Amino acid sequence: MEITTTNIPEVLLLKPIVHRDSRGFFLETYREEHFRAQGIEVHFVQDNLSKSRRNTVRGLHYQIEQQQDKLLTVMQGAILDVAVDLRPDSPTFGQHTTVKLTEDNRHQVFIPKGFAHGFSVLSGQALVYYKCSAYYYPEGERGLYWNDPKLDIDWLVDEPVVSEKDQNQPLLHEISNEDLFYE
């Protein structure tokens, strides 16, 4: 597996080796020793599966309590995955990185604690599978407005379909210090 950094070094792009033949394909979706080789000690405790239709924008979400590392892959379709740095002491605070994950490229993205996460659906529909290092904790969930002009995220969709909850999240400058990630 090839592991490279994005424009935010802590967010990693993983390119598994895909073995294809006339029957289909095989690949490893997770191997702990690959993470350890990168100096990442993570233990995943929950797996999630999301199905969404074209132009859906989900996010930007994070948990301030029971913080989560995430490892995402697309099982069907294509998405633009987005991570926003919410660590005020980081040189990339308030910046974002995007990665296209598709059923064809089979790439994955690792998003560590300290980031808000979201994605947009670029295909007719998408199945997104992801591992989390902590259990979902509704009381600790927070959000960031998906279309904050200061973030200037190009979601690559013309007519975004966004939940009411995500339409009512705060802008980055409105988030209190208690809801950011300090080390």
N, C-alpha and C. Protein backbone atom coordinates (compact mmCIF):
# COMPACT_ATOMS: atom_id res chain seq x y z
N MET A 1 0.85 -1.18 0.00
CA MET A 1 0.00 0.00 0.00
C MET A 1 0.89 1.24 0.00
N GLU A 2 0.58 2.16 -0.87
CA GLU A 2 1.29 3.43 -0.92
C GLU A 2 0.54 4.43 -0.04
N ILE A 3 1.27 5.08 0.87
CA ILE A 3 0.67 6.08 1.76
C ILE A 3 1.40 7.39 1.55
N THR A 4 0.64 8.44 1.19
CA THR A 4 1.23 9.76 0.96
C THR A 4 0.45 10.80 1.76
N THR A 5 1.07 11.95 1.95
CA THR A 5 0.39 13.03 2.65
C THR A 5 -0.37 13.90 1.65
N THR A 6 -1.33 14.64 2.16
CA THR A 6 -2.05 15.62 1.36
C THR A 6 -1.42 16.99 1.63
N ASN A 7 -2.08 18.06 1.22
CA ASN A 7 -1.55 19.39 1.52
C ASN A 7 -1.58 19.69 3.02
N ILE A 8 -2.32 18.91 3.78
CA ILE A 8 -2.26 18.95 5.25
C ILE A 8 -1.61 17.62 5.65
N PRO A 9 -0.36 17.65 6.11
CA PRO A 9 0.42 16.42 6.25
C PRO A 9 -0.20 15.32 7.11
N GLU A 10 -1.04 15.66 8.07
CA GLU A 10 -1.63 14.64 8.93
C GLU A 10 -2.76 13.87 8.26
N VAL A 11 -3.33 14.42 7.21
CA VAL A 11 -4.38 13.73 6.44
C VAL A 11 -3.67 12.93 5.35
N LEU A 12 -3.90 11.62 5.37
CA LEU A 12 -3.15 10.72 4.49
C LEU A 12 -4.02 10.14 3.39
N LEU A 13 -3.42 10.03 2.21
CA LEU A 13 -4.04 9.35 1.08
C LEU A 13 -3.43 7.96 0.98
N LEU A 14 -4.27 6.94 0.98
CA LEU A 14 -3.81 5.56 0.90
C LEU A 14 -4.22 4.98 -0.44
N LYS A 15 -3.26 4.38 -1.11
CA LYS A 15 -3.51 3.76 -2.40
C LYS A 15 -3.19 2.27 -2.29
N PRO A 16 -4.21 1.46 -2.02
CA PRO A 16 -3.96 0.03 -1.89
C PRO A 16 -3.58 -0.61 -3.23
N ILE A 17 -2.89 -1.72 -3.13
CA ILE A 17 -2.59 -2.50 -4.33
C ILE A 17 -3.83 -3.31 -4.67
N VAL A 18 -4.33 -3.10 -5.88
CA VAL A 18 -5.54 -3.78 -6.34
C VAL A 18 -5.13 -4.92 -7.27
N HIS A 19 -5.51 -6.12 -6.91
CA HIS A 19 -5.22 -7.31 -7.73
C HIS A 19 -6.47 -7.59 -8.56
N ARG A 20 -6.37 -7.40 -9.88
CA ARG A 20 -7.51 -7.58 -10.78
C ARG A 20 -7.27 -8.77 -11.70
N ASP A 21 -8.35 -9.47 -12.00
CA ASP A 21 -8.32 -10.50 -13.02
C ASP A 21 -9.73 -10.64 -13.58
N SER A 22 -9.95 -11.66 -14.38
CA SER A 22 -11.24 -11.82 -15.05
C SER A 22 -12.40 -12.02 -14.08
N ARG A 23 -12.12 -12.41 -12.84
CA ARG A 23 -13.17 -12.62 -11.84
C ARG A 23 -13.58 -11.34 -11.14
N GLY A 24 -12.70 -10.34 -11.15
CA GLY A 24 -12.96 -9.10 -10.41
C GLY A 24 -11.68 -8.57 -9.81
N PHE A 25 -11.70 -8.24 -8.52
CA PHE A 25 -10.51 -7.70 -7.87
C PHE A 25 -10.46 -8.10 -6.41
N PHE A 26 -9.27 -7.91 -5.81
CA PHE A 26 -9.05 -8.11 -4.38
C PHE A 26 -8.08 -7.03 -3.93
N LEU A 27 -8.31 -6.52 -2.70
CA LEU A 27 -7.37 -5.59 -2.08
C LEU A 27 -7.52 -5.64 -0.58
N GLU A 28 -6.46 -5.25 0.12
CA GLU A 28 -6.54 -5.09 1.57
C GLU A 28 -7.06 -3.69 1.85
N THR A 29 -8.12 -3.59 2.65
CA THR A 29 -8.66 -2.27 2.98
C THR A 29 -8.05 -1.69 4.25
N TYR A 30 -7.48 -2.56 5.08
CA TYR A 30 -6.84 -2.06 6.31
C TYR A 30 -5.80 -3.07 6.77
N ARG A 31 -4.65 -2.56 7.13
CA ARG A 31 -3.59 -3.40 7.70
C ARG A 31 -2.87 -2.54 8.73
N GLU A 32 -2.99 -2.91 9.99
CA GLU A 32 -2.48 -2.13 11.09
C GLU A 32 -1.00 -1.78 10.95
N GLU A 33 -0.19 -2.72 10.49
CA GLU A 33 1.25 -2.48 10.41
C GLU A 33 1.60 -1.36 9.43
N HIS A 34 0.76 -1.11 8.43
CA HIS A 34 1.01 -0.01 7.50
C HIS A 34 0.88 1.34 8.23
N PHE A 35 -0.09 1.41 9.15
CA PHE A 35 -0.26 2.64 9.93
C PHE A 35 0.89 2.80 10.92
N ARG A 36 1.24 1.73 11.58
CA ARG A 36 2.35 1.79 12.54
C ARG A 36 3.65 2.23 11.86
N ALA A 37 3.86 1.78 10.63
CA ALA A 37 5.06 2.18 9.89
C ALA A 37 5.08 3.68 9.64
N GLN A 38 3.91 4.31 9.62
CA GLN A 38 3.80 5.77 9.45
C GLN A 38 3.79 6.49 10.80
N GLY A 39 3.95 5.74 11.90
CA GLY A 39 3.94 6.33 13.24
C GLY A 39 2.55 6.59 13.77
N ILE A 40 1.55 5.95 13.18
CA ILE A 40 0.16 6.16 13.61
C ILE A 40 -0.31 4.96 14.41
N GLU A 41 -0.63 5.22 15.67
CA GLU A 41 -1.19 4.19 16.54
C GLU A 41 -2.68 4.46 16.62
N VAL A 42 -3.47 3.62 15.97
CA VAL A 42 -4.92 3.81 15.98
C VAL A 42 -5.60 2.47 16.18
N HIS A 43 -6.66 2.49 16.93
CA HIS A 43 -7.46 1.29 17.15
C HIS A 43 -8.90 1.63 16.76
N PHE A 44 -9.41 0.99 15.73
CA PHE A 44 -10.75 1.27 15.25
C PHE A 44 -11.77 0.43 16.03
N VAL A 45 -12.90 1.07 16.40
CA VAL A 45 -13.92 0.40 17.22
C VAL A 45 -15.30 0.39 16.59
N GLN A 46 -15.50 1.16 15.53
CA GLN A 46 -16.82 1.26 14.91
C GLN A 46 -16.67 1.42 13.41
N ASP A 47 -17.50 0.69 12.66
CA ASP A 47 -17.56 0.84 11.20
C ASP A 47 -18.91 1.39 10.82
N ASN A 48 -18.94 2.28 9.81
CA ASN A 48 -20.17 2.91 9.35
C ASN A 48 -20.29 2.77 7.83
N LEU A 49 -21.53 2.77 7.36
CA LEU A 49 -21.82 2.71 5.93
C LEU A 49 -22.87 3.76 5.63
N SER A 50 -22.60 4.58 4.62
CA SER A 50 -23.51 5.65 4.23
C SER A 50 -23.85 5.51 2.75
N LYS A 51 -25.12 5.66 2.42
CA LYS A 51 -25.55 5.68 1.03
C LYS A 51 -26.18 7.04 0.76
N SER A 52 -25.74 7.68 -0.32
CA SER A 52 -26.23 9.01 -0.66
C SER A 52 -26.37 9.13 -2.16
N ARG A 53 -27.25 10.06 -2.58
CA ARG A 53 -27.48 10.27 -4.01
C ARG A 53 -26.66 11.46 -4.51
N ARG A 54 -26.60 11.59 -5.83
CA ARG A 54 -25.83 12.65 -6.48
C ARG A 54 -26.14 14.02 -5.86
N ASN A 55 -25.11 14.84 -5.75
CA ASN A 55 -25.16 16.22 -5.25
C ASN A 55 -25.35 16.33 -3.74
N THR A 56 -25.46 15.21 -3.04
CA THR A 56 -25.56 15.27 -1.58
C THR A 56 -24.24 15.80 -1.01
N VAL A 57 -24.37 16.71 -0.05
CA VAL A 57 -23.22 17.17 0.72
C VAL A 57 -23.49 16.79 2.17
N ARG A 58 -22.61 16.00 2.75
CA ARG A 58 -22.72 15.61 4.16
C ARG A 58 -21.56 16.25 4.90
N GLY A 59 -21.89 16.94 5.99
CA GLY A 59 -20.83 17.53 6.81
C GLY A 59 -20.97 19.04 6.84
N LEU A 60 -20.12 19.60 7.51
CA LEU A 60 -18.84 19.13 8.05
C LEU A 60 -19.04 18.77 9.53
N HIS A 61 -18.70 17.55 9.92
CA HIS A 61 -18.97 17.04 11.26
C HIS A 61 -17.68 16.67 11.99
N TYR A 62 -17.77 16.71 13.32
CA TYR A 62 -16.68 16.23 14.16
C TYR A 62 -17.21 15.99 15.56
N GLN A 63 -16.43 15.30 16.37
CA GLN A 63 -16.79 15.07 17.77
C GLN A 63 -15.71 15.69 18.64
N ILE A 64 -16.12 16.59 19.51
CA ILE A 64 -15.16 17.22 20.42
C ILE A 64 -14.93 16.32 21.63
N GLU A 65 -15.94 15.51 21.97
CA GLU A 65 -15.78 14.47 22.99
C GLU A 65 -15.81 13.14 22.27
N GLN A 66 -15.02 12.19 22.76
CA GLN A 66 -14.83 10.92 22.07
C GLN A 66 -14.39 11.17 20.62
N GLN A 67 -13.30 11.93 20.52
CA GLN A 67 -12.76 12.33 19.22
C GLN A 67 -12.43 11.10 18.38
N GLN A 68 -12.60 11.26 17.07
CA GLN A 68 -12.46 10.12 16.16
C GLN A 68 -11.40 10.34 15.09
N ASP A 69 -10.55 9.31 14.92
CA ASP A 69 -9.77 9.15 13.70
C ASP A 69 -10.70 8.41 12.75
N LYS A 70 -10.59 8.68 11.44
CA LYS A 70 -11.46 8.02 10.46
C LYS A 70 -10.63 7.52 9.28
N LEU A 71 -11.03 6.37 8.77
CA LEU A 71 -10.46 5.81 7.56
C LEU A 71 -11.61 5.54 6.61
N LEU A 72 -11.64 6.25 5.47
CA LEU A 72 -12.77 6.18 4.54
C LEU A 72 -12.40 5.56 3.21
N THR A 73 -13.38 4.85 2.65
CA THR A 73 -13.24 4.31 1.31
C THR A 73 -14.62 4.31 0.64
N VAL A 74 -14.64 4.35 -0.66
CA VAL A 74 -15.89 4.31 -1.41
C VAL A 74 -16.06 2.91 -1.97
N MET A 75 -17.19 2.30 -1.65
CA MET A 75 -17.49 0.96 -2.15
C MET A 75 -18.17 1.02 -3.51
N GLN A 76 -18.97 2.08 -3.70
CA GLN A 76 -19.68 2.26 -4.97
C GLN A 76 -19.81 3.75 -5.24
N GLY A 77 -19.55 4.15 -6.48
CA GLY A 77 -19.72 5.55 -6.87
C GLY A 77 -18.45 6.36 -6.71
N ALA A 78 -18.64 7.68 -6.49
CA ALA A 78 -17.52 8.61 -6.38
C ALA A 78 -17.91 9.76 -5.46
N ILE A 79 -16.95 10.18 -4.63
CA ILE A 79 -17.17 11.31 -3.74
C ILE A 79 -15.96 12.24 -3.77
N LEU A 80 -16.19 13.47 -3.32
CA LEU A 80 -15.12 14.38 -3.00
C LEU A 80 -15.09 14.42 -1.48
N ASP A 81 -14.03 13.93 -0.88
CA ASP A 81 -13.91 13.90 0.57
C ASP A 81 -13.18 15.15 1.03
N VAL A 82 -13.66 15.75 2.14
CA VAL A 82 -13.13 17.02 2.62
C VAL A 82 -12.79 16.92 4.10
N ALA A 83 -11.61 17.40 4.46
CA ALA A 83 -11.21 17.50 5.87
C ALA A 83 -10.76 18.94 6.14
N VAL A 84 -11.25 19.51 7.25
CA VAL A 84 -10.91 20.89 7.63
C VAL A 84 -10.18 20.85 8.96
N ASP A 85 -9.02 21.47 9.02
CA ASP A 85 -8.19 21.49 10.22
C ASP A 85 -8.82 22.42 11.27
N LEU A 86 -9.16 21.86 12.43
CA LEU A 86 -9.76 22.64 13.52
C LEU A 86 -8.84 22.69 14.75
N ARG A 87 -7.54 22.63 14.50
CA ARG A 87 -6.54 22.69 15.57
C ARG A 87 -5.90 24.08 15.55
N PRO A 88 -6.33 24.98 16.45
CA PRO A 88 -5.83 26.37 16.40
C PRO A 88 -4.31 26.50 16.47
N ASP A 89 -3.63 25.55 17.08
CA ASP A 89 -2.17 25.62 17.18
C ASP A 89 -1.45 25.07 15.95
N SER A 90 -2.21 24.62 14.97
CA SER A 90 -1.63 24.03 13.76
C SER A 90 -1.34 25.11 12.72
N PRO A 91 -0.26 24.97 11.96
CA PRO A 91 0.01 25.93 10.88
C PRO A 91 -1.03 25.86 9.76
N THR A 92 -1.83 24.80 9.73
CA THR A 92 -2.86 24.67 8.69
C THR A 92 -4.28 24.86 9.25
N PHE A 93 -4.37 25.49 10.43
CA PHE A 93 -5.69 25.74 11.03
C PHE A 93 -6.60 26.49 10.05
N GLY A 94 -7.83 26.00 9.89
CA GLY A 94 -8.80 26.64 9.02
C GLY A 94 -8.64 26.29 7.55
N GLN A 95 -7.62 25.51 7.21
CA GLN A 95 -7.43 25.08 5.83
C GLN A 95 -8.10 23.73 5.62
N HIS A 96 -8.34 23.42 4.36
CA HIS A 96 -8.97 22.13 4.05
C HIS A 96 -8.16 21.39 3.00
N THR A 97 -8.42 20.10 2.93
CA THR A 97 -7.85 19.27 1.89
C THR A 97 -8.99 18.44 1.29
N THR A 98 -8.89 18.16 0.01
CA THR A 98 -9.91 17.35 -0.66
C THR A 98 -9.24 16.19 -1.39
N VAL A 99 -9.95 15.08 -1.43
CA VAL A 99 -9.48 13.88 -2.10
C VAL A 99 -10.67 13.24 -2.81
N LYS A 100 -10.49 12.88 -4.07
CA LYS A 100 -11.53 12.14 -4.78
C LYS A 100 -11.35 10.65 -4.50
N LEU A 101 -12.40 10.06 -3.97
CA LEU A 101 -12.42 8.63 -3.70
C LEU A 101 -13.47 8.01 -4.61
N THR A 102 -13.08 6.99 -5.35
CA THR A 102 -14.01 6.37 -6.29
C THR A 102 -13.93 4.85 -6.21
N GLU A 103 -14.97 4.21 -6.71
CA GLU A 103 -14.94 2.74 -6.77
C GLU A 103 -13.89 2.26 -7.76
N ASP A 104 -13.47 3.11 -8.68
CA ASP A 104 -12.44 2.72 -9.65
C ASP A 104 -11.02 2.88 -9.09
N ASN A 105 -10.75 4.01 -8.41
CA ASN A 105 -9.37 4.19 -7.92
C ASN A 105 -9.13 3.46 -6.60
N ARG A 106 -10.18 3.14 -5.86
CA ARG A 106 -10.10 2.39 -4.60
C ARG A 106 -9.19 3.06 -3.56
N HIS A 107 -8.96 4.35 -3.71
CA HIS A 107 -8.16 5.08 -2.74
C HIS A 107 -8.93 5.22 -1.43
N GLN A 108 -8.17 5.49 -0.38
CA GLN A 108 -8.73 5.72 0.94
C GLN A 108 -8.14 7.02 1.49
N VAL A 109 -8.81 7.57 2.49
CA VAL A 109 -8.26 8.73 3.16
C VAL A 109 -8.32 8.47 4.67
N PHE A 110 -7.23 8.83 5.35
CA PHE A 110 -7.17 8.76 6.81
C PHE A 110 -7.24 10.18 7.34
N ILE A 111 -8.23 10.44 8.17
CA ILE A 111 -8.42 11.76 8.77
C ILE A 111 -8.27 11.62 10.28
N PRO A 112 -7.24 12.23 10.86
CA PRO A 112 -7.02 12.09 12.29
C PRO A 112 -7.95 12.99 13.11
N LYS A 113 -7.91 12.78 14.40
CA LYS A 113 -8.64 13.66 15.33
C LYS A 113 -8.21 15.10 15.07
N GLY A 114 -9.12 16.03 15.30
CA GLY A 114 -8.78 17.44 15.12
C GLY A 114 -9.29 18.04 13.83
N PHE A 115 -10.05 17.26 13.07
CA PHE A 115 -10.54 17.71 11.77
C PHE A 115 -12.05 17.55 11.69
N ALA A 116 -12.70 18.51 11.03
CA ALA A 116 -14.09 18.33 10.63
C ALA A 116 -14.07 17.58 9.31
N HIS A 117 -15.10 16.77 9.09
CA HIS A 117 -15.12 15.92 7.90
C HIS A 117 -16.45 16.03 7.18
N GLY A 118 -16.39 15.94 5.85
CA GLY A 118 -17.60 15.91 5.04
C GLY A 118 -17.27 15.37 3.66
N PHE A 119 -18.32 15.16 2.87
CA PHE A 119 -18.10 14.74 1.49
C PHE A 119 -19.29 15.12 0.63
N SER A 120 -19.04 15.21 -0.67
CA SER A 120 -20.09 15.42 -1.66
C SER A 120 -20.10 14.23 -2.61
N VAL A 121 -21.29 13.93 -3.13
CA VAL A 121 -21.45 12.77 -4.01
C VAL A 121 -21.39 13.24 -5.46
N LEU A 122 -20.44 12.69 -6.21
CA LEU A 122 -20.19 13.08 -7.60
C LEU A 122 -20.84 12.13 -8.60
N SER A 123 -21.26 10.97 -8.15
CA SER A 123 -21.86 9.95 -9.02
C SER A 123 -23.36 9.87 -8.75
N GLY A 124 -24.05 9.00 -9.49
CA GLY A 124 -25.49 8.84 -9.29
C GLY A 124 -25.86 8.52 -7.85
N GLN A 125 -25.06 7.68 -7.23
CA GLN A 125 -25.17 7.41 -5.80
C GLN A 125 -23.81 6.93 -5.33
N ALA A 126 -23.61 6.92 -4.02
CA ALA A 126 -22.33 6.47 -3.48
C ALA A 126 -22.56 5.71 -2.18
N LEU A 127 -21.80 4.64 -2.02
CA LEU A 127 -21.72 3.91 -0.76
C LEU A 127 -20.37 4.22 -0.15
N VAL A 128 -20.37 4.84 1.02
CA VAL A 128 -19.14 5.24 1.69
C VAL A 128 -19.01 4.41 2.96
N TYR A 129 -17.88 3.75 3.10
CA TYR A 129 -17.61 2.89 4.25
C TYR A 129 -16.47 3.51 5.03
N TYR A 130 -16.65 3.63 6.35
CA TYR A 130 -15.56 4.19 7.12
C TYR A 130 -15.45 3.60 8.51
N LYS A 131 -14.20 3.55 8.96
CA LYS A 131 -13.85 3.05 10.28
C LYS A 131 -13.61 4.26 11.18
N CYS A 132 -13.99 4.12 12.47
CA CYS A 132 -13.80 5.19 13.45
C CYS A 132 -13.08 4.64 14.68
N SER A 133 -12.24 5.47 15.28
CA SER A 133 -11.46 5.06 16.45
C SER A 133 -12.20 5.29 17.77
N ALA A 134 -13.38 5.88 17.73
CA ALA A 134 -14.20 6.07 18.93
C ALA A 134 -15.67 5.91 18.52
N TYR A 135 -16.48 5.56 19.48
CA TYR A 135 -17.90 5.37 19.20
C TYR A 135 -18.58 6.72 18.96
N TYR A 136 -19.61 6.70 18.13
CA TYR A 136 -20.42 7.90 17.92
C TYR A 136 -21.00 8.33 19.26
N TYR A 137 -20.87 9.60 19.56
CA TYR A 137 -21.33 10.16 20.84
C TYR A 137 -22.11 11.44 20.53
N PRO A 138 -23.44 11.35 20.44
CA PRO A 138 -24.25 12.50 20.00
C PRO A 138 -24.01 13.77 20.82
N GLU A 139 -23.79 13.64 22.12
CA GLU A 139 -23.59 14.82 22.96
C GLU A 139 -22.28 15.54 22.63
N GLY A 140 -21.33 14.82 22.05
CA GLY A 140 -20.04 15.43 21.72
C GLY A 140 -19.94 15.87 20.27
N GLU A 141 -21.00 15.64 19.50
CA GLU A 141 -20.97 15.99 18.08
C GLU A 141 -21.06 17.50 17.88
N ARG A 142 -20.28 17.98 16.95
CA ARG A 142 -20.30 19.39 16.56
C ARG A 142 -20.28 19.46 15.04
N GLY A 143 -20.46 20.68 14.54
CA GLY A 143 -20.43 20.86 13.09
C GLY A 143 -19.88 22.21 12.71
N LEU A 144 -19.55 22.32 11.45
CA LEU A 144 -19.03 23.53 10.83
C LEU A 144 -19.84 23.74 9.56
N TYR A 145 -20.24 24.97 9.28
CA TYR A 145 -21.07 25.24 8.11
C TYR A 145 -20.34 24.82 6.84
N TRP A 146 -20.97 23.97 6.09
CA TRP A 146 -20.37 23.33 4.91
C TRP A 146 -19.92 24.32 3.84
N ASN A 147 -20.58 25.46 3.76
CA ASN A 147 -20.30 26.42 2.69
C ASN A 147 -19.75 27.74 3.23
N ASP A 148 -18.99 27.66 4.32
CA ASP A 148 -18.36 28.84 4.92
C ASP A 148 -17.49 29.53 3.85
N PRO A 149 -17.79 30.80 3.52
CA PRO A 149 -17.03 31.48 2.46
C PRO A 149 -15.52 31.55 2.75
N LYS A 150 -15.14 31.62 4.01
CA LYS A 150 -13.71 31.69 4.34
C LYS A 150 -12.99 30.38 4.01
N LEU A 151 -13.71 29.26 4.06
CA LEU A 151 -13.09 27.98 3.72
C LEU A 151 -12.93 27.82 2.22
N ASP A 152 -13.85 28.40 1.45
CA ASP A 152 -13.79 28.38 -0.02
C ASP A 152 -13.63 26.96 -0.58
N ILE A 153 -14.49 26.05 -0.12
CA ILE A 153 -14.45 24.66 -0.58
C ILE A 153 -15.26 24.55 -1.86
N ASP A 154 -14.65 24.00 -2.89
CA ASP A 154 -15.37 23.69 -4.12
C ASP A 154 -15.83 22.24 -4.02
N TRP A 155 -17.10 22.05 -3.73
CA TRP A 155 -17.66 20.72 -3.51
C TRP A 155 -17.90 19.97 -4.82
N LEU A 156 -17.71 20.61 -5.93
CA LEU A 156 -17.85 20.01 -7.27
C LEU A 156 -19.27 19.52 -7.57
N VAL A 157 -20.27 20.14 -6.94
CA VAL A 157 -21.67 19.82 -7.24
C VAL A 157 -22.39 21.11 -7.59
N ASP A 158 -23.33 21.02 -8.53
CA ASP A 158 -24.05 22.21 -9.00
C ASP A 158 -25.24 22.57 -8.12
N GLU A 159 -25.98 21.58 -7.68
CA GLU A 159 -27.17 21.82 -6.86
C GLU A 159 -27.07 21.00 -5.59
N PRO A 160 -26.33 21.50 -4.58
CA PRO A 160 -26.09 20.73 -3.36
C PRO A 160 -27.39 20.37 -2.64
N VAL A 161 -27.45 19.14 -2.17
CA VAL A 161 -28.54 18.66 -1.33
C VAL A 161 -27.96 18.53 0.07
N VAL A 162 -28.41 19.39 0.97
CA VAL A 162 -27.82 19.49 2.30
C VAL A 162 -28.92 19.39 3.34
N SER A 163 -28.67 18.64 4.41
CA SER A 163 -29.66 18.49 5.47
C SER A 163 -29.90 19.83 6.18
N GLU A 164 -31.05 19.94 6.82
CA GLU A 164 -31.37 21.14 7.60
C GLU A 164 -30.34 21.33 8.71
N LYS A 165 -29.96 20.24 9.34
CA LYS A 165 -28.96 20.30 10.42
C LYS A 165 -27.65 20.90 9.89
N ASP A 166 -27.19 20.44 8.73
CA ASP A 166 -25.93 20.95 8.19
C ASP A 166 -26.05 22.39 7.69
N GLN A 167 -27.24 22.80 7.31
CA GLN A 167 -27.47 24.19 6.87
C GLN A 167 -27.38 25.17 8.04
N ASN A 168 -27.51 24.65 9.27
CA ASN A 168 -27.56 25.51 10.46
C ASN A 168 -26.34 25.41 11.35
N GLN A 169 -25.23 24.96 10.80
CA GLN A 169 -23.99 24.87 11.58
C GLN A 169 -23.28 26.23 11.58
N PRO A 170 -22.42 26.49 12.57
CA PRO A 170 -21.73 27.78 12.65
C PRO A 170 -20.61 27.91 11.63
N LEU A 171 -20.29 29.15 11.31
CA LEU A 171 -19.10 29.46 10.52
C LEU A 171 -17.87 29.22 11.39
N LEU A 172 -16.72 29.05 10.77
CA LEU A 172 -15.50 28.78 11.52
C LEU A 172 -15.24 29.84 12.59
N HIS A 173 -15.38 31.10 12.26
CA HIS A 173 -15.08 32.15 13.24
C HIS A 173 -16.11 32.22 14.37
N GLU A 174 -17.22 31.51 14.23
CA GLU A 174 -18.25 31.49 15.28
C GLU A 174 -18.08 30.32 16.26
N ILE A 175 -17.18 29.41 15.96
CA ILE A 175 -16.98 28.25 16.83
C ILE A 175 -16.20 28.68 18.07
N SER A 176 -16.71 28.31 19.24
CA SER A 176 -16.05 28.67 20.49
C SER A 176 -14.76 27.87 20.68
N ASN A 177 -13.86 28.40 21.49
CA ASN A 177 -12.60 27.71 21.76
C ASN A 177 -12.83 26.33 22.36
N GLU A 178 -13.89 26.17 23.13
CA GLU A 178 -14.21 24.87 23.76
C GLU A 178 -14.55 23.82 22.70
N ASP A 179 -14.94 24.25 21.51
CA ASP A 179 -15.32 23.34 20.45
C ASP A 179 -14.25 23.20 19.36
N LEU A 180 -13.03 23.58 19.70
CA LEU A 180 -11.88 23.39 18.81
C LEU A 180 -10.93 22.39 19.47
N PHE A 181 -9.91 21.96 18.74
CA PHE A 181 -8.99 20.92 19.23
C PHE A 181 -7.67 21.53 19.67
N TYR A 182 -7.43 21.55 20.96
CA TYR A 182 -6.15 22.00 21.51
C TYR A 182 -5.42 20.81 22.07
N GLU A 183 -4.11 20.80 21.92
CA GLU A 183 -3.32 19.67 22.46
C GLU A 183 -2.91 19.94 23.87
